[in-house]
Amino acid sequence: MTEPHSAPPASISRQSLTLAQYVEYRNGVPLGAPGSLQIMLNRSLGASTFKRFWQYWNPIWGYALGRYIFAPIKRFLPAGIALILTFIASGALHDLATTLVRGSLAFFFTPWFFLMSLIVVVEYTLGIDRSDQPFWARVAINLTYIVGCLLLTILITQAMNRA
């Protein structure tokens, strides 16, 4: 399975795309189209980099994060720092939703997303790309990153709760 394009055509600014255009650009099919979930899962899990994983994962959420958090921060800070802060903001919003549902403070997604952002930045900085790897290997690596960060987050939160 080959990976689709990762940038809009030169004549189109990603910032000028509507949500529907952005989702179609990322998924290759219109918003809500039959099979779009399967396509998103295949593209994200089989992505050649962890950065690309996040470009394909949940394009609706990615659109909002990119437009309203990442882009404004990137005007003042380097892209790597803006990306880390965007992941932290996303984690904090997930924690806020969890807190509201549970009725008690939740602080789990913020550190988990922070750890995953570090992998994105390190992989990008080192120029790691697995385009030449088979689909199953890319899936295994991306899932290892996610689960590894999840397990580390569990250990960290357990240690914080004992302290």
C-alpha atoms as a PDB file:
ATOM      1  CA  MET A   1       0.000   0.000   0.000  1.00  0.00           C
ATOM      2  CA  THR A   2       1.501   3.313  -1.022  1.00  0.00           C
ATOM      3  CA  GLU A   3       1.143   6.422   1.035  1.00  0.00           C
ATOM      4  CA  PRO A   4      -0.924   9.285  -0.417  1.00  0.00           C
ATOM      5  CA  HIS A   5       0.343  12.807  -0.911  1.00  0.00           C
ATOM      6  CA  SER A   6       1.149  14.831   2.202  1.00  0.00           C
ATOM      7  CA  ALA A   7       0.753  18.405   0.953  1.00  0.00           C
ATOM      8  CA  PRO A   8      -2.029  20.226  -0.853  1.00  0.00           C
ATOM      9  CA  PRO A   9      -1.409  21.254  -4.461  1.00  0.00           C
ATOM     10  CA  ALA A  10       0.929  24.257  -4.721  1.00  0.00           C
ATOM     11  CA  SER A  11      -1.988  26.450  -5.813  1.00  0.00           C
ATOM     12  CA  ILE A  12      -3.861  25.784  -2.545  1.00  0.00           C
ATOM     13  CA  SER A  13      -2.822  26.965   0.902  1.00  0.00           C
ATOM     14  CA  ARG A  14      -3.641  24.427   3.588  1.00  0.00           C
ATOM     15  CA  GLN A  15      -4.816  27.298   5.790  1.00  0.00           C
ATOM     16  CA  SER A  16      -7.403  28.272   3.152  1.00  0.00           C
ATOM     17  CA  LEU A  17      -9.010  24.820   3.013  1.00  0.00           C
ATOM     18  CA  THR A  18     -12.463  24.419   4.516  1.00  0.00           C
ATOM     19  CA  LEU A  19     -13.013  21.528   6.929  1.00  0.00           C
ATOM     20  CA  ALA A  20     -14.698  19.459   4.207  1.00  0.00           C
ATOM     21  CA  GLN A  21     -11.838  20.140   1.767  1.00  0.00           C
ATOM     22  CA  TYR A  22      -9.241  19.308   4.410  1.00  0.00           C
ATOM     23  CA  VAL A  23     -10.900  15.992   5.317  1.00  0.00           C
ATOM     24  CA  GLU A  24     -11.140  15.021   1.646  1.00  0.00           C
ATOM     25  CA  TYR A  25      -7.515  16.049   1.149  1.00  0.00           C
ATOM     26  CA  ARG A  26      -6.366  13.898   4.093  1.00  0.00           C
ATOM     27  CA  ASN A  27      -8.695  10.908   3.561  1.00  0.00           C
ATOM     28  CA  GLY A  28      -9.059  11.039  -0.204  1.00  0.00           C
ATOM     29  CA  VAL A  29     -12.837  10.817   0.198  1.00  0.00           C
ATOM     30  CA  PRO A  30     -15.442  13.392   1.268  1.00  0.00           C
ATOM     31  CA  LEU A  31     -16.397  13.941   4.895  1.00  0.00           C
ATOM     32  CA  GLY A  32     -18.666  11.099   6.048  1.00  0.00           C
ATOM     33  CA  ALA A  33     -18.190   9.030   2.893  1.00  0.00           C
ATOM     34  CA  PRO A  34     -18.656   5.267   3.166  1.00  0.00           C
ATOM     35  CA  GLY A  35     -15.369   3.627   4.080  1.00  0.00           C
ATOM     36  CA  SER A  36     -13.755   6.841   5.324  1.00  0.00           C
ATOM     37  CA  LEU A  37     -12.977   5.351   8.752  1.00  0.00           C
ATOM     38  CA  GLN A  38     -11.201   2.380   7.150  1.00  0.00           C
ATOM     39  CA  ILE A  39      -9.264   4.730   4.887  1.00  0.00           C
ATOM     40  CA  MET A  40      -8.234   6.925   7.823  1.00  0.00           C
ATOM     41  CA  LEU A  41      -7.073   3.890   9.810  1.00  0.00           C
ATOM     42  CA  ASN A  42      -5.077   2.505   6.868  1.00  0.00           C
ATOM     43  CA  ARG A  43      -3.444   5.835   6.092  1.00  0.00           C
ATOM     44  CA  SER A  44      -2.608   6.702   9.684  1.00  0.00           C
ATOM     45  CA  LEU A  45      -1.448   3.304  10.909  1.00  0.00           C
ATOM     46  CA  GLY A  46       0.502   2.645   7.712  1.00  0.00           C
ATOM     47  CA  ALA A  47       2.094   6.101   7.621  1.00  0.00           C
ATOM     48  CA  SER A  48       5.797   6.272   6.842  1.00  0.00           C
ATOM     49  CA  THR A  49       6.481   8.613   9.777  1.00  0.00           C
ATOM     50  CA  PHE A  50       4.836   9.289  13.113  1.00  0.00           C
ATOM     51  CA  LYS A  51       4.264  12.867  11.946  1.00  0.00           C
ATOM     52  CA  ARG A  52       2.274  11.550   8.989  1.00  0.00           C
ATOM     53  CA  PHE A  53       0.366   9.226  11.327  1.00  0.00           C
ATOM     54  CA  TRP A  54      -0.970  12.317  13.097  1.00  0.00           C
ATOM     55  CA  GLN A  55      -1.663  14.118   9.808  1.00  0.00           C
ATOM     56  CA  TYR A  56      -4.056  11.313   8.852  1.00  0.00           C
ATOM     57  CA  TRP A  57      -5.452  10.460  12.294  1.00  0.00           C
ATOM     58  CA  ASN A  58      -8.824  12.133  13.015  1.00  0.00           C
ATOM     59  CA  PRO A  59      -8.659  14.826  10.323  1.00  0.00           C
ATOM     60  CA  ILE A  60     -11.539  16.803  11.848  1.00  0.00           C
ATOM     61  CA  TRP A  61      -9.662  17.234  15.144  1.00  0.00           C
ATOM     62  CA  GLY A  62      -6.409  17.780  13.249  1.00  0.00           C
ATOM     63  CA  TYR A  63      -8.000  20.555  11.216  1.00  0.00           C
ATOM     64  CA  ALA A  64      -9.062  22.422  14.360  1.00  0.00           C
ATOM     65  CA  LEU A  65      -5.727  21.893  16.116  1.00  0.00           C
ATOM     66  CA  GLY A  66      -3.762  22.981  13.059  1.00  0.00           C
ATOM     67  CA  ARG A  67      -5.812  26.069  12.397  1.00  0.00           C
ATOM     68  CA  TYR A  68      -6.543  27.324  15.906  1.00  0.00           C
ATOM     69  CA  ILE A  69      -3.569  26.147  17.973  1.00  0.00           C
ATOM     70  CA  PHE A  70      -0.540  25.139  15.873  1.00  0.00           C
ATOM     71  CA  ALA A  71      -0.650  27.935  13.267  1.00  0.00           C
ATOM     72  CA  PRO A  72      -0.988  30.799  15.785  1.00  0.00           C
ATOM     73  CA  ILE A  73       1.780  29.396  18.018  1.00  0.00           C
ATOM     74  CA  LYS A  74       4.049  28.806  15.003  1.00  0.00           C
ATOM     75  CA  ARG A  75       3.955  32.523  14.214  1.00  0.00           C
ATOM     76  CA  PHE A  76       6.008  33.146  17.371  1.00  0.00           C
ATOM     77  CA  LEU A  77       7.860  29.898  18.082  1.00  0.00           C
ATOM     78  CA  PRO A  78       9.755  27.288  16.065  1.00  0.00           C
ATOM     79  CA  ALA A  79       7.592  24.600  14.446  1.00  0.00           C
ATOM     80  CA  GLY A  80       8.890  21.825  16.740  1.00  0.00           C
ATOM     81  CA  ILE A  81       7.944  23.728  19.881  1.00  0.00           C
ATOM     82  CA  ALA A  82       4.600  24.727  18.351  1.00  0.00           C
ATOM     83  CA  LEU A  83       3.934  21.065  17.599  1.00  0.00           C
ATOM     84  CA  ILE A  84       4.762  19.972  21.163  1.00  0.00           C
ATOM     85  CA  LEU A  85       2.531  22.705  22.595  1.00  0.00           C
ATOM     86  CA  THR A  86      -0.263  21.674  20.210  1.00  0.00           C
ATOM     87  CA  PHE A  87      -0.037  18.067  21.417  1.00  0.00           C
ATOM     88  CA  ILE A  88      -0.094  19.298  25.031  1.00  0.00           C
ATOM     89  CA  ALA A  89      -3.176  21.430  24.290  1.00  0.00           C
ATOM     90  CA  SER A  90      -4.882  18.454  22.637  1.00  0.00           C
ATOM     91  CA  GLY A  91      -4.084  16.268  25.638  1.00  0.00           C
ATOM     92  CA  ALA A  92      -5.364  18.951  28.004  1.00  0.00           C
ATOM     93  CA  LEU A  93      -8.637  19.170  26.056  1.00  0.00           C
ATOM     94  CA  HIS A  94      -8.988  15.377  26.242  1.00  0.00           C
ATOM     95  CA  ASP A  95      -8.292  15.572  29.999  1.00  0.00           C
ATOM     96  CA  LEU A  96     -10.880  18.349  30.369  1.00  0.00           C
ATOM     97  CA  ALA A  97     -13.519  16.220  28.631  1.00  0.00           C
ATOM     98  CA  THR A  98     -12.598  13.258  30.839  1.00  0.00           C
ATOM     99  CA  THR A  99     -12.753  15.451  33.953  1.00  0.00           C
ATOM    100  CA  LEU A 100     -16.217  16.717  33.008  1.00  0.00           C
ATOM    101  CA  VAL A 101     -17.525  13.194  32.363  1.00  0.00           C
ATOM    102  CA  ARG A 102     -15.962  11.666  35.494  1.00  0.00           C
ATOM    103  CA  GLY A 103     -16.654  14.591  37.764  1.00  0.00           C
ATOM    104  CA  SER A 104     -13.091  14.430  39.107  1.00  0.00           C
ATOM    105  CA  LEU A 105      -9.761  15.748  37.891  1.00  0.00           C
ATOM    106  CA  ALA A 106      -8.109  13.743  35.123  1.00  0.00           C
ATOM    107  CA  PHE A 107      -4.478  14.253  34.092  1.00  0.00           C
ATOM    108  CA  PHE A 108      -3.579  11.423  31.761  1.00  0.00           C
ATOM    109  CA  PHE A 109      -3.853  12.484  28.128  1.00  0.00           C
ATOM    110  CA  THR A 110      -1.652  15.560  28.541  1.00  0.00           C
ATOM    111  CA  PRO A 111       1.518  13.640  29.480  1.00  0.00           C
ATOM    112  CA  TRP A 112       0.691  10.859  27.000  1.00  0.00           C
ATOM    113  CA  PHE A 113       0.321  13.297  24.124  1.00  0.00           C
ATOM    114  CA  PHE A 114       3.451  15.163  25.241  1.00  0.00           C
ATOM    115  CA  LEU A 115       5.479  11.946  25.027  1.00  0.00           C
ATOM    116  CA  MET A 116       4.098  11.186  21.568  1.00  0.00           C
ATOM    117  CA  SER A 117       4.952  14.710  20.409  1.00  0.00           C
ATOM    118  CA  LEU A 118       8.571  14.101  21.370  1.00  0.00           C
ATOM    119  CA  ILE A 119       8.668  11.081  19.066  1.00  0.00           C
ATOM    120  CA  VAL A 120       7.264  13.169  16.210  1.00  0.00           C
ATOM    121  CA  VAL A 121       9.907  15.862  16.717  1.00  0.00           C
ATOM    122  CA  VAL A 122      12.825  13.443  17.190  1.00  0.00           C
ATOM    123  CA  GLU A 123      11.835  11.335  14.185  1.00  0.00           C
ATOM    124  CA  TYR A 124      11.487  14.453  12.031  1.00  0.00           C
ATOM    125  CA  THR A 125      14.784  15.919  13.266  1.00  0.00           C
ATOM    126  CA  LEU A 126      16.625  12.676  12.508  1.00  0.00           C
ATOM    127  CA  GLY A 127      14.970  12.403   9.087  1.00  0.00           C
ATOM    128  CA  ILE A 128      13.497   8.977   9.827  1.00  0.00           C
ATOM    129  CA  ASP A 129      11.172   7.762   7.097  1.00  0.00           C
ATOM    130  CA  ARG A 130       9.900   4.225   6.624  1.00  0.00           C
ATOM    131  CA  SER A 131       8.468   4.601   3.105  1.00  0.00           C
ATOM    132  CA  ASP A 132      10.587   1.640   2.017  1.00  0.00           C
ATOM    133  CA  GLN A 133       9.202  -0.607   4.762  1.00  0.00           C
ATOM    134  CA  PRO A 134       6.217  -2.912   4.209  1.00  0.00           C
ATOM    135  CA  PHE A 135       2.810  -1.738   5.401  1.00  0.00           C
ATOM    136  CA  TRP A 136       2.710  -4.232   8.305  1.00  0.00           C
ATOM    137  CA  ALA A 137       6.087  -2.961   9.603  1.00  0.00           C
ATOM    138  CA  ARG A 138       4.914   0.665   9.528  1.00  0.00           C
ATOM    139  CA  VAL A 139       1.744  -0.333  11.394  1.00  0.00           C
ATOM    140  CA  ALA A 140       3.799  -2.211  14.000  1.00  0.00           C
ATOM    141  CA  ILE A 141       6.161   0.727  14.542  1.00  0.00           C
ATOM    142  CA  ASN A 142       3.383   3.331  14.813  1.00  0.00           C
ATOM    143  CA  LEU A 143       1.435   1.147  17.252  1.00  0.00           C
ATOM    144  CA  THR A 144       4.620   0.533  19.255  1.00  0.00           C
ATOM    145  CA  TYR A 145       5.109   4.287  19.607  1.00  0.00           C
ATOM    146  CA  ILE A 146       1.528   4.780  20.780  1.00  0.00           C
ATOM    147  CA  VAL A 147       1.460   1.828  23.179  1.00  0.00           C
ATOM    148  CA  GLY A 148       4.982   2.542  24.443  1.00  0.00           C
ATOM    149  CA  CYS A 149       4.044   6.126  25.300  1.00  0.00           C
ATOM    150  CA  LEU A 150       0.804   4.872  26.852  1.00  0.00           C
ATOM    151  CA  LEU A 151       2.661   2.429  29.112  1.00  0.00           C
ATOM    152  CA  LEU A 152       5.206   5.071  30.100  1.00  0.00           C
ATOM    153  CA  THR A 153       2.351   7.464  30.906  1.00  0.00           C
ATOM    154  CA  ILE A 154       0.702   4.813  33.085  1.00  0.00           C
ATOM    155  CA  LEU A 155       3.972   4.311  34.978  1.00  0.00           C
ATOM    156  CA  ILE A 156       4.432   8.062  35.419  1.00  0.00           C
ATOM    157  CA  THR A 157       0.871   8.663  36.629  1.00  0.00           C
ATOM    158  CA  GLN A 158       1.073   5.714  39.023  1.00  0.00           C
ATOM    159  CA  ALA A 159       4.323   7.092  40.442  1.00  0.00           C
ATOM    160  CA  MET A 160       2.748  10.544  40.800  1.00  0.00           C
ATOM    161  CA  ASN A 161      -0.267   9.058  42.582  1.00  0.00           C
ATOM    162  CA  ARG A 162       1.988   7.237  45.064  1.00  0.00           C
ATOM    163  CA  ALA A 163       3.969  10.387  45.835  1.00  0.00           C
END
